[in-house]
PDB file of all heavy atoms in Angstrom:
ATOM      1  N   SER A   1     108.406  81.293 -63.469  1.00  0.00           N
ATOM      2  CA  SER A   1     107.550  82.334 -62.941  1.00  0.00           C
ATOM      3  C   SER A   1     107.116  83.305 -63.950  1.00  0.00           C
ATOM      4  O   SER A   1     107.856  84.277 -64.258  1.00  0.00           O
ATOM      5  CB  SER A   1     108.377  83.046 -61.757  1.00  0.00           C
ATOM      6  OG  SER A   1     109.611  83.483 -62.211  1.00  0.00           O
ATOM      7  N   GLU A   2     105.946  83.099 -64.474  1.00  0.00           N
ATOM      8  CA  GLU A   2     105.414  83.839 -65.603  1.00  0.00           C
ATOM      9  C   GLU A   2     104.641  85.074 -65.174  1.00  0.00           C
ATOM     10  O   GLU A   2     104.463  86.065 -65.829  1.00  0.00           O
ATOM     11  CB  GLU A   2     104.631  82.985 -66.495  1.00  0.00           C
ATOM     12  CG  GLU A   2     105.376  81.818 -67.113  1.00  0.00           C
ATOM     13  CD  GLU A   2     104.558  80.898 -67.993  1.00  0.00           C
ATOM     14  OE1 GLU A   2     103.292  81.036 -67.923  1.00  0.00           O
ATOM     15  OE2 GLU A   2     105.083  80.029 -68.626  1.00  0.00           O
ATOM     16  N   THR A   3     104.098  84.984 -63.903  1.00  0.00           N
ATOM     17  CA  THR A   3     103.348  86.116 -63.368  1.00  0.00           C
ATOM     18  C   THR A   3     103.689  86.288 -61.887  1.00  0.00           C
ATOM     19  O   THR A   3     104.208  85.336 -61.315  1.00  0.00           O
ATOM     20  CB  THR A   3     101.830  85.915 -63.514  1.00  0.00           C
ATOM     21  OG1 THR A   3     101.417  84.670 -62.741  1.00  0.00           O
ATOM     22  CG2 THR A   3     101.382  85.813 -64.980  1.00  0.00           C
ATOM     23  N   GLY A   4     103.407  87.401 -61.334  1.00  0.00           N
ATOM     24  CA  GLY A   4     103.484  87.609 -59.918  1.00  0.00           C
ATOM     25  C   GLY A   4     104.848  88.081 -59.403  1.00  0.00           C
ATOM     26  O   GLY A   4     105.816  88.004 -60.128  1.00  0.00           O
ATOM     27  N   THR A   5     104.838  88.666 -58.226  1.00  0.00           N
ATOM     28  CA  THR A   5     106.022  89.001 -57.492  1.00  0.00           C
ATOM     29  C   THR A   5     106.027  88.301 -56.184  1.00  0.00           C
ATOM     30  O   THR A   5     105.128  88.538 -55.333  1.00  0.00           O
ATOM     31  CB  THR A   5     106.152  90.525 -57.329  1.00  0.00           C
ATOM     32  OG1 THR A   5     107.212  90.847 -56.416  1.00  0.00           O
ATOM     33  CG2 THR A   5     104.857  91.154 -56.822  1.00  0.00           C
ATOM     34  N   PRO A   6     106.832  87.344 -55.933  1.00  0.00           N
ATOM     35  CA  PRO A   6     106.694  86.373 -54.828  1.00  0.00           C
ATOM     36  C   PRO A   6     106.759  87.030 -53.502  1.00  0.00           C
ATOM     37  O   PRO A   6     107.611  87.882 -53.212  1.00  0.00           O
ATOM     38  CB  PRO A   6     107.903  85.376 -55.017  1.00  0.00           C
ATOM     39  CG  PRO A   6     108.885  86.189 -55.826  1.00  0.00           C
ATOM     40  CD  PRO A   6     108.083  87.054 -56.717  1.00  0.00           C
ATOM     41  N   GLN A   7     105.812  86.626 -52.650  1.00  0.00           N
ATOM     42  CA  GLN A   7     105.853  87.070 -51.223  1.00  0.00           C
ATOM     43  C   GLN A   7     107.106  86.500 -50.548  1.00  0.00           C
ATOM     44  O   GLN A   7     107.389  85.305 -50.692  1.00  0.00           O
ATOM     45  CB  GLN A   7     104.602  86.619 -50.472  1.00  0.00           C
ATOM     46  CG  GLN A   7     103.351  87.209 -50.962  1.00  0.00           C
ATOM     47  CD  GLN A   7     102.096  86.843 -50.142  1.00  0.00           C
ATOM     48  OE1 GLN A   7     102.099  87.163 -48.925  1.00  0.00           O
ATOM     49  NE2 GLN A   7     101.189  86.203 -50.708  1.00  0.00           N
ATOM     50  N   GLY A   8     107.788  87.312 -49.834  1.00  0.00           N
ATOM     51  CA  GLY A   8     109.055  86.902 -49.197  1.00  0.00           C
ATOM     52  C   GLY A   8     110.176  87.693 -49.707  1.00  0.00           C
ATOM     53  O   GLY A   8     111.174  87.820 -49.034  1.00  0.00           O
ATOM     54  N   GLY A   9     110.092  88.279 -50.862  1.00  0.00           N
ATOM     55  CA  GLY A   9     111.077  89.156 -51.348  1.00  0.00           C
ATOM     56  C   GLY A   9     111.023  90.533 -50.703  1.00  0.00           C
ATOM     57  O   GLY A   9     109.932  91.064 -50.375  1.00  0.00           O
ATOM     58  N   VAL A  10     112.191  91.170 -50.465  1.00  0.00           N
ATOM     59  CA  VAL A  10     112.240  92.494 -49.843  1.00  0.00           C
ATOM     60  C   VAL A  10     111.516  93.561 -50.637  1.00  0.00           C
ATOM     61  O   VAL A  10     110.800  94.416 -50.091  1.00  0.00           O
ATOM     62  CB  VAL A  10     113.685  92.953 -49.596  1.00  0.00           C
ATOM     63  CG1 VAL A  10     113.767  94.289 -48.966  1.00  0.00           C
ATOM     64  CG2 VAL A  10     114.406  91.885 -48.711  1.00  0.00           C
ATOM     65  N   ILE A  11     111.630  93.475 -51.962  1.00  0.00           N
ATOM     66  CA  ILE A  11     111.035  94.450 -52.807  1.00  0.00           C
ATOM     67  C   ILE A  11     109.614  94.185 -53.224  1.00  0.00           C
ATOM     68  O   ILE A  11     108.899  94.982 -53.824  1.00  0.00           O
ATOM     69  CB  ILE A  11     111.914  94.665 -54.111  1.00  0.00           C
ATOM     70  CG1 ILE A  11     111.700  96.007 -54.742  1.00  0.00           C
ATOM     71  CG2 ILE A  11     111.687  93.489 -55.084  1.00  0.00           C
ATOM     72  CD1 ILE A  11     112.665  96.329 -55.816  1.00  0.00           C
ATOM     73  N   SER A  12     109.112  93.007 -52.922  1.00  0.00           N
ATOM     74  CA  SER A  12     107.779  92.572 -53.390  1.00  0.00           C
ATOM     75  C   SER A  12     106.638  93.453 -52.857  1.00  0.00           C
ATOM     76  O   SER A  12     105.773  93.820 -53.696  1.00  0.00           O
ATOM     77  CB  SER A  12     107.501  91.113 -52.925  1.00  0.00           C
ATOM     78  OG  SER A  12     108.361  90.240 -53.560  1.00  0.00           O
ATOM     79  N   PRO A  13     106.573  93.898 -51.635  1.00  0.00           N
ATOM     80  CA  PRO A  13     105.511  94.779 -51.134  1.00  0.00           C
ATOM     81  C   PRO A  13     105.492  96.117 -51.937  1.00  0.00           C
ATOM     82  O   PRO A  13     104.435  96.592 -52.284  1.00  0.00           O
ATOM     83  CB  PRO A  13     105.796  95.004 -49.651  1.00  0.00           C
ATOM     84  CG  PRO A  13     106.586  93.868 -49.294  1.00  0.00           C
ATOM     85  CD  PRO A  13     107.401  93.481 -50.467  1.00  0.00           C
ATOM     86  N   LEU A  14     106.700  96.640 -52.279  1.00  0.00           N
ATOM     87  CA  LEU A  14     106.737  97.858 -53.042  1.00  0.00           C
ATOM     88  C   LEU A  14     106.216  97.651 -54.451  1.00  0.00           C
ATOM     89  O   LEU A  14     105.508  98.509 -54.985  1.00  0.00           O
ATOM     90  CB  LEU A  14     108.193  98.386 -53.040  1.00  0.00           C
ATOM     91  CG  LEU A  14     108.458  99.642 -53.944  1.00  0.00           C
ATOM     92  CD1 LEU A  14     107.620 100.815 -53.433  1.00  0.00           C
ATOM     93  CD2 LEU A  14     109.961  99.988 -53.919  1.00  0.00           C
ATOM     94  N   LEU A  15     106.621  96.571 -55.088  1.00  0.00           N
ATOM     95  CA  LEU A  15     106.168  96.236 -56.445  1.00  0.00           C
ATOM     96  C   LEU A  15     104.623  96.050 -56.485  1.00  0.00           C
ATOM     97  O   LEU A  15     103.894  96.470 -57.404  1.00  0.00           O
ATOM     98  CB  LEU A  15     106.841  95.054 -56.989  1.00  0.00           C
ATOM     99  CG  LEU A  15     108.392  95.141 -57.173  1.00  0.00           C
ATOM    100  CD1 LEU A  15     108.889  93.871 -57.729  1.00  0.00           C
ATOM    101  CD2 LEU A  15     108.727  96.327 -58.088  1.00  0.00           C
ATOM    102  N   ALA A  16     104.090  95.404 -55.406  1.00  0.00           N
ATOM    103  CA  ALA A  16     102.640  95.230 -55.400  1.00  0.00           C
ATOM    104  C   ALA A  16     101.910  96.585 -55.197  1.00  0.00           C
ATOM    105  O   ALA A  16     100.906  96.794 -55.810  1.00  0.00           O
ATOM    106  CB  ALA A  16     102.244  94.304 -54.176  1.00  0.00           C
ATOM    107  N   ASN A  17     102.456  97.458 -54.397  1.00  0.00           N
ATOM    108  CA  ASN A  17     101.898  98.856 -54.223  1.00  0.00           C
ATOM    109  C   ASN A  17     101.889  99.623 -55.529  1.00  0.00           C
ATOM    110  O   ASN A  17     101.008 100.320 -55.900  1.00  0.00           O
ATOM    111  CB  ASN A  17     102.619  99.616 -53.138  1.00  0.00           C
ATOM    112  CG  ASN A  17     101.996  99.373 -51.792  1.00  0.00           C
ATOM    113  OD1 ASN A  17     100.837  99.071 -51.652  1.00  0.00           O
ATOM    114  ND2 ASN A  17     102.826  99.591 -50.732  1.00  0.00           N
ATOM    115  N   ILE A  18     102.991  99.421 -56.299  1.00  0.00           N
ATOM    116  CA  ILE A  18     103.129 100.094 -57.572  1.00  0.00           C
ATOM    117  C   ILE A  18     102.059  99.532 -58.553  1.00  0.00           C
ATOM    118  O   ILE A  18     101.433 100.341 -59.321  1.00  0.00           O
ATOM    119  CB  ILE A  18     104.531  99.946 -58.163  1.00  0.00           C
ATOM    120  CG1 ILE A  18     105.572 100.678 -57.330  1.00  0.00           C
ATOM    121  CG2 ILE A  18     104.602 100.468 -59.624  1.00  0.00           C
ATOM    122  CD1 ILE A  18     106.944 100.390 -57.716  1.00  0.00           C
ATOM    123  N   ALA A  19     101.889  98.238 -58.490  1.00  0.00           N
ATOM    124  CA  ALA A  19     100.876  97.645 -59.403  1.00  0.00           C
ATOM    125  C   ALA A  19      99.515  98.105 -59.121  1.00  0.00           C
ATOM    126  O   ALA A  19      98.676  98.284 -60.057  1.00  0.00           O
ATOM    127  CB  ALA A  19     100.965  96.115 -59.309  1.00  0.00           C
ATOM    128  N   LEU A  20      99.183  98.371 -57.857  1.00  0.00           N
ATOM    129  CA  LEU A  20      97.794  98.786 -57.454  1.00  0.00           C
ATOM    130  C   LEU A  20      97.657 100.248 -57.351  1.00  0.00           C
ATOM    131  O   LEU A  20      96.539 100.783 -57.134  1.00  0.00           O
ATOM    132  CB  LEU A  20      97.445  98.149 -56.075  1.00  0.00           C
ATOM    133  CG  LEU A  20      97.408  96.635 -55.993  1.00  0.00           C
ATOM    134  CD1 LEU A  20      97.109  96.176 -54.642  1.00  0.00           C
ATOM    135  CD2 LEU A  20      96.315  96.133 -57.001  1.00  0.00           C
ATOM    136  N   HIS A  21      98.736 101.015 -57.618  1.00  0.00           N
ATOM    137  CA  HIS A  21      98.657 102.466 -57.618  1.00  0.00           C
ATOM    138  C   HIS A  21      97.742 102.928 -58.737  1.00  0.00           C
ATOM    139  O   HIS A  21      97.863 102.468 -59.867  1.00  0.00           O
ATOM    140  CB  HIS A  21     100.054 103.007 -57.772  1.00  0.00           C
ATOM    141  CG  HIS A  21     100.030 104.534 -57.993  1.00  0.00           C
ATOM    142  ND1 HIS A  21      99.602 105.405 -57.071  1.00  0.00           N
ATOM    143  CD2 HIS A  21     100.387 105.266 -59.104  1.00  0.00           C
ATOM    144  CE1 HIS A  21      99.711 106.671 -57.543  1.00  0.00           C
ATOM    145  NE2 HIS A  21     100.202 106.585 -58.783  1.00  0.00           N
ATOM    146  N   GLY A  22      96.895 103.879 -58.425  1.00  0.00           N
ATOM    147  CA  GLY A  22      95.945 104.420 -59.463  1.00  0.00           C
ATOM    148  C   GLY A  22      94.546 104.062 -59.301  1.00  0.00           C
ATOM    149  O   GLY A  22      93.660 104.698 -59.884  1.00  0.00           O
ATOM    150  N   MET A  23      94.271 103.090 -58.392  1.00  0.00           N
ATOM    151  CA  MET A  23      92.908 102.668 -58.199  1.00  0.00           C
ATOM    152  C   MET A  23      92.082 103.793 -57.565  1.00  0.00           C
ATOM    153  O   MET A  23      90.927 104.089 -58.073  1.00  0.00           O
ATOM    154  CB  MET A  23      92.896 101.503 -57.142  1.00  0.00           C
ATOM    155  CG  MET A  23      91.517 100.954 -56.873  1.00  0.00           C
ATOM    156  SD  MET A  23      91.461  99.778 -55.503  1.00  0.00           S
ATOM    157  CE  MET A  23      92.506  98.461 -56.112  1.00  0.00           C
ATOM    158  N   GLU A  24      92.556 104.487 -56.613  1.00  0.00           N
ATOM    159  CA  GLU A  24      91.814 105.615 -55.976  1.00  0.00           C
ATOM    160  C   GLU A  24      91.599 106.705 -56.969  1.00  0.00           C
ATOM    161  O   GLU A  24      90.438 107.273 -57.038  1.00  0.00           O
ATOM    162  CB  GLU A  24      92.550 106.132 -54.750  1.00  0.00           C
ATOM    163  CG  GLU A  24      91.900 107.244 -53.995  1.00  0.00           C
ATOM    164  CD  GLU A  24      92.682 107.726 -52.807  1.00  0.00           C
ATOM    165  OE1 GLU A  24      93.649 107.025 -52.354  1.00  0.00           O
ATOM    166  OE2 GLU A  24      92.373 108.795 -52.268  1.00  0.00           O
ATOM    167  N   ASN A  25      92.603 107.113 -57.716  1.00  0.00           N
ATOM    168  CA  ASN A  25      92.486 108.230 -58.703  1.00  0.00           C
ATOM    169  C   ASN A  25      91.434 107.898 -59.757  1.00  0.00           C
ATOM    170  O   ASN A  25      90.754 108.736 -60.239  1.00  0.00           O
ATOM    171  CB  ASN A  25      93.823 108.554 -59.240  1.00  0.00           C
ATOM    172  CG  ASN A  25      94.738 109.209 -58.241  1.00  0.00           C
ATOM    173  OD1 ASN A  25      94.342 109.812 -57.282  1.00  0.00           O
ATOM    174  ND2 ASN A  25      96.070 109.050 -58.464  1.00  0.00           N
ATOM    175  N   MET A  26      91.550 106.622 -60.197  1.00  0.00           N
ATOM    176  CA  MET A  26      90.603 106.171 -61.247  1.00  0.00           C
ATOM    177  C   MET A  26      89.153 106.298 -60.762  1.00  0.00           C
ATOM    178  O   MET A  26      88.283 106.838 -61.535  1.00  0.00           O
ATOM    179  CB  MET A  26      90.915 104.739 -61.628  1.00  0.00           C
ATOM    180  CG  MET A  26      89.987 104.098 -62.687  1.00  0.00           C
ATOM    181  SD  MET A  26      88.456 103.381 -62.040  1.00  0.00           S
ATOM    182  CE  MET A  26      89.047 101.999 -60.984  1.00  0.00           C
ATOM    183  N   LEU A  27      88.839 105.860 -59.560  1.00  0.00           N
ATOM    184  CA  LEU A  27      87.443 105.937 -59.058  1.00  0.00           C
ATOM    185  C   LEU A  27      87.011 107.370 -58.849  1.00  0.00           C
ATOM    186  O   LEU A  27      85.914 107.724 -59.172  1.00  0.00           O
ATOM    187  CB  LEU A  27      87.356 105.151 -57.753  1.00  0.00           C
ATOM    188  CG  LEU A  27      87.389 103.613 -57.865  1.00  0.00           C
ATOM    189  CD1 LEU A  27      87.338 103.009 -56.513  1.00  0.00           C
ATOM    190  CD2 LEU A  27      86.249 103.097 -58.743  1.00  0.00           C
ATOM    191  N   LYS A  28      87.938 108.208 -58.305  1.00  0.00           N
ATOM    192  CA  LYS A  28      87.574 109.605 -58.129  1.00  0.00           C
ATOM    193  C   LYS A  28      87.317 110.326 -59.474  1.00  0.00           C
ATOM    194  O   LYS A  28      86.453 111.200 -59.536  1.00  0.00           O
ATOM    195  CB  LYS A  28      88.658 110.281 -57.287  1.00  0.00           C
ATOM    196  CG  LYS A  28      88.570 109.819 -55.803  1.00  0.00           C
ATOM    197  CD  LYS A  28      89.420 110.721 -54.883  1.00  0.00           C
ATOM    198  CE  LYS A  28      89.203 110.331 -53.470  1.00  0.00           C
ATOM    199  NZ  LYS A  28      89.985 111.152 -52.563  1.00  0.00           N
ATOM    200  N   GLU A  29      88.109 109.992 -60.435  1.00  0.00           N
ATOM    201  CA  GLU A  29      87.906 110.572 -61.740  1.00  0.00           C
ATOM    202  C   GLU A  29      86.553 110.205 -62.304  1.00  0.00           C
ATOM    203  O   GLU A  29      85.823 111.009 -62.906  1.00  0.00           O
ATOM    204  CB  GLU A  29      89.055 110.191 -62.675  1.00  0.00           C
ATOM    205  CG  GLU A  29      88.954 110.721 -64.089  1.00  0.00           C
ATOM    206  CD  GLU A  29      89.118 112.252 -64.105  1.00  0.00           C
ATOM    207  OE1 GLU A  29      89.715 112.783 -63.177  1.00  0.00           O
ATOM    208  OE2 GLU A  29      88.686 112.878 -65.103  1.00  0.00           O
ATOM    209  N   TYR A  30      86.238 108.888 -62.141  1.00  0.00           N
ATOM    210  CA  TYR A  30      84.889 108.436 -62.654  1.00  0.00           C
ATOM    211  C   TYR A  30      83.752 109.123 -61.901  1.00  0.00           C
ATOM    212  O   TYR A  30      82.769 109.590 -62.504  1.00  0.00           O
ATOM    213  CB  TYR A  30      84.800 106.879 -62.437  1.00  0.00           C
ATOM    214  CG  TYR A  30      83.454 106.349 -62.562  1.00  0.00           C
ATOM    215  CD1 TYR A  30      82.814 106.299 -63.826  1.00  0.00           C
ATOM    216  CD2 TYR A  30      82.709 105.923 -61.458  1.00  0.00           C
ATOM    217  CE1 TYR A  30      81.525 105.809 -64.000  1.00  0.00           C
ATOM    218  CE2 TYR A  30      81.389 105.440 -61.595  1.00  0.00           C
ATOM    219  CZ  TYR A  30      80.818 105.378 -62.814  1.00  0.00           C
ATOM    220  OH  TYR A  30      79.561 104.962 -62.951  1.00  0.00           O
ATOM    221  N   ILE A  31      83.869 109.236 -60.548  1.00  0.00           N
ATOM    222  CA  ILE A  31      82.814 109.842 -59.805  1.00  0.00           C
ATOM    223  C   ILE A  31      82.627 111.297 -60.168  1.00  0.00           C
ATOM    224  O   ILE A  31      81.545 111.870 -60.247  1.00  0.00           O
ATOM    225  CB  ILE A  31      83.108 109.683 -58.302  1.00  0.00           C
ATOM    226  CG1 ILE A  31      82.835 108.243 -57.885  1.00  0.00           C
ATOM    227  CG2 ILE A  31      82.182 110.589 -57.464  1.00  0.00           C
ATOM    228  CD1 ILE A  31      81.448 107.747 -58.019  1.00  0.00           C
ATOM    229  N   SER A  32      83.738 112.034 -60.391  1.00  0.00           N
ATOM    230  CA  SER A  32      83.711 113.441 -60.669  1.00  0.00           C
ATOM    231  C   SER A  32      82.997 113.692 -61.996  1.00  0.00           C
ATOM    232  O   SER A  32      82.368 114.785 -62.196  1.00  0.00           O
ATOM    233  CB  SER A  32      85.137 114.022 -60.703  1.00  0.00           C
ATOM    234  OG  SER A  32      85.856 113.480 -61.821  1.00  0.00           O
ATOM    235  N   GLN A  33      83.017 112.790 -62.948  1.00  0.00           N
ATOM    236  CA  GLN A  33      82.405 112.968 -64.302  1.00  0.00           C
ATOM    237  C   GLN A  33      80.967 112.435 -64.237  1.00  0.00           C
ATOM    238  O   GLN A  33      80.239 112.703 -65.270  1.00  0.00           O
ATOM    239  CB  GLN A  33      83.252 112.315 -65.336  1.00  0.00           C
ATOM    240  CG  GLN A  33      84.628 112.972 -65.488  1.00  0.00           C
ATOM    241  CD  GLN A  33      85.441 112.212 -66.546  1.00  0.00           C
ATOM    242  OE1 GLN A  33      85.025 111.286 -67.172  1.00  0.00           O
ATOM    243  NE2 GLN A  33      86.693 112.716 -66.753  1.00  0.00           N
ATOM    244  N   ARG A  34      80.608 111.656 -63.268  1.00  0.00           N
ATOM    245  CA  ARG A  34      79.291 111.040 -63.255  1.00  0.00           C
ATOM    246  C   ARG A  34      78.238 112.077 -62.782  1.00  0.00           C
ATOM    247  O   ARG A  34      78.406 112.728 -61.760  1.00  0.00           O
ATOM    248  CB  ARG A  34      79.244 109.844 -62.298  1.00  0.00           C
ATOM    249  CG  ARG A  34      77.946 109.043 -62.338  1.00  0.00           C
ATOM    250  CD  ARG A  34      77.931 108.021 -61.215  1.00  0.00           C
ATOM    251  NE  ARG A  34      76.808 107.163 -61.299  1.00  0.00           N
ATOM    252  CZ  ARG A  34      75.622 107.415 -60.831  1.00  0.00           C
ATOM    253  NH1 ARG A  34      75.332 108.652 -60.303  1.00  0.00           N
ATOM    254  NH2 ARG A  34      74.617 106.535 -60.887  1.00  0.00           N
ATOM    255  N   PRO A  35      77.152 112.242 -63.521  1.00  0.00           N
ATOM    256  CA  PRO A  35      76.100 113.233 -63.124  1.00  0.00           C
ATOM    257  C   PRO A  35      75.418 112.705 -61.856  1.00  0.00           C
ATOM    258  O   PRO A  35      74.954 111.594 -61.778  1.00  0.00           O
ATOM    259  CB  PRO A  35      75.171 113.280 -64.330  1.00  0.00           C
ATOM    260  CG  PRO A  35      75.389 112.065 -65.103  1.00  0.00           C
ATOM    261  CD  PRO A  35      76.861 111.690 -64.885  1.00  0.00           C
ATOM    262  N   MET A  36      75.291 113.587 -60.866  1.00  0.00           N
ATOM    263  CA  MET A  36      74.697 113.224 -59.503  1.00  0.00           C
ATOM    264  C   MET A  36      73.922 114.397 -59.015  1.00  0.00           C
ATOM    265  O   MET A  36      74.345 115.559 -59.249  1.00  0.00           O
ATOM    266  CB  MET A  36      75.795 112.741 -58.535  1.00  0.00           C
ATOM    267  CG  MET A  36      76.490 111.476 -58.870  1.00  0.00           C
ATOM    268  SD  MET A  36      77.775 111.061 -57.731  1.00  0.00           S
ATOM    269  CE  MET A  36      76.876 110.917 -56.194  1.00  0.00           C
ATOM    270  N   ARG A  37      72.904 114.065 -58.277  1.00  0.00           N
ATOM    271  CA  ARG A  37      72.074 115.114 -57.651  1.00  0.00           C
ATOM    272  C   ARG A  37      72.027 114.848 -56.112  1.00  0.00           C
ATOM    273  O   ARG A  37      71.963 113.686 -55.720  1.00  0.00           O
ATOM    274  CB  ARG A  37      70.665 115.220 -58.234  1.00  0.00           C
ATOM    275  CG  ARG A  37      70.700 115.676 -59.731  1.00  0.00           C
ATOM    276  CD  ARG A  37      69.321 115.891 -60.280  1.00  0.00           C
ATOM    277  NE  ARG A  37      69.347 116.384 -61.646  1.00  0.00           N
ATOM    278  CZ  ARG A  37      69.458 117.617 -61.985  1.00  0.00           C
ATOM    279  NH1 ARG A  37      69.484 118.546 -61.045  1.00  0.00           N
ATOM    280  NH2 ARG A  37      69.509 117.962 -63.228  1.00  0.00           N
ATOM    281  N   ASP A  38      71.865 115.910 -55.361  1.00  0.00           N
ATOM    282  CA  ASP A  38      71.801 115.745 -53.941  1.00  0.00           C
ATOM    283  C   ASP A  38      70.339 115.425 -53.514  1.00  0.00           C
ATOM    284  O   ASP A  38      69.405 115.286 -54.346  1.00  0.00           O
ATOM    285  CB  ASP A  38      72.308 116.981 -53.196  1.00  0.00           C
ATOM    286  CG  ASP A  38      71.529 118.290 -53.522  1.00  0.00           C
ATOM    287  OD1 ASP A  38      70.379 118.142 -54.117  1.00  0.00           O
ATOM    288  OD2 ASP A  38      72.058 119.374 -53.297  1.00  0.00           O
ATOM    289  N   GLN A  39      70.055 115.371 -52.222  1.00  0.00           N
ATOM    290  CA  GLN A  39      68.735 115.032 -51.720  1.00  0.00           C
ATOM    291  C   GLN A  39      67.661 116.017 -52.061  1.00  0.00           C
ATOM    292  O   GLN A  39      66.502 115.704 -52.019  1.00  0.00           O
ATOM    293  CB  GLN A  39      68.766 114.812 -50.219  1.00  0.00           C
ATOM    294  CG  GLN A  39      69.325 116.103 -49.470  1.00  0.00           C
ATOM    295  CD  GLN A  39      69.491 115.828 -47.963  1.00  0.00           C
ATOM    296  OE1 GLN A  39      69.053 114.799 -47.505  1.00  0.00           O
ATOM    297  NE2 GLN A  39      70.036 116.786 -47.259  1.00  0.00           N
ATOM    298  N   HIS A  40      68.038 117.232 -52.420  1.00  0.00           N
ATOM    299  CA  HIS A  40      67.122 118.285 -52.812  1.00  0.00           C
ATOM    300  C   HIS A  40      66.958 118.364 -54.363  1.00  0.00           C
ATOM    301  O   HIS A  40      66.216 119.202 -54.871  1.00  0.00           O
ATOM    302  CB  HIS A  40      67.570 119.644 -52.270  1.00  0.00           C
ATOM    303  CG  HIS A  40      67.767 119.661 -50.796  1.00  0.00           C
ATOM    304  ND1 HIS A  40      66.722 119.466 -49.894  1.00  0.00           N
ATOM    305  CD2 HIS A  40      68.878 119.813 -50.069  1.00  0.00           C
ATOM    306  CE1 HIS A  40      67.206 119.553 -48.695  1.00  0.00           C
ATOM    307  NE2 HIS A  40      68.540 119.704 -48.745  1.00  0.00           N
ATOM    308  N   GLY A  41      67.632 117.462 -55.072  1.00  0.00           N
ATOM    309  CA  GLY A  41      67.448 117.431 -56.511  1.00  0.00           C
ATOM    310  C   GLY A  41      68.380 118.369 -57.262  1.00  0.00           C
ATOM    311  O   GLY A  41      68.290 118.571 -58.501  1.00  0.00           O
ATOM    312  N   LYS A  42      69.323 119.036 -56.519  1.00  0.00           N
ATOM    313  CA  LYS A  42      70.276 119.996 -57.119  1.00  0.00           C
ATOM    314  C   LYS A  42      71.491 119.244 -57.603  1.00  0.00           C
ATOM    315  O   LYS A  42      71.991 118.346 -56.977  1.00  0.00           O
ATOM    316  CB  LYS A  42      70.571 121.096 -56.120  1.00  0.00           C
ATOM    317  CG  LYS A  42      71.488 122.168 -56.671  1.00  0.00           C
ATOM    318  CD  LYS A  42      71.730 123.207 -55.538  1.00  0.00           C
ATOM    319  CE  LYS A  42      72.716 124.275 -56.068  1.00  0.00           C
ATOM    320  NZ  LYS A  42      73.022 125.271 -54.998  1.00  0.00           N
ATOM    321  N   ALA A  43      71.961 119.625 -58.778  1.00  0.00           N
ATOM    322  CA  ALA A  43      73.161 119.014 -59.350  1.00  0.00           C
ATOM    323  C   ALA A  43      74.366 119.254 -58.463  1.00  0.00           C
ATOM    324  O   ALA A  43      74.573 120.371 -57.970  1.00  0.00           O
ATOM    325  CB  ALA A  43      73.367 119.615 -60.796  1.00  0.00           C
TER     326      ALA A  43
END
């Protein structure tokens, strides 16, 4: 078993959540730094 955490293990869901942790923060950090304007052209 060179990769993965097998489904069926008690701890596997927790390990999968740890692996995917940070996705939301990464996207919000990217959006916060991206220049954007509203419908009226204001930054």
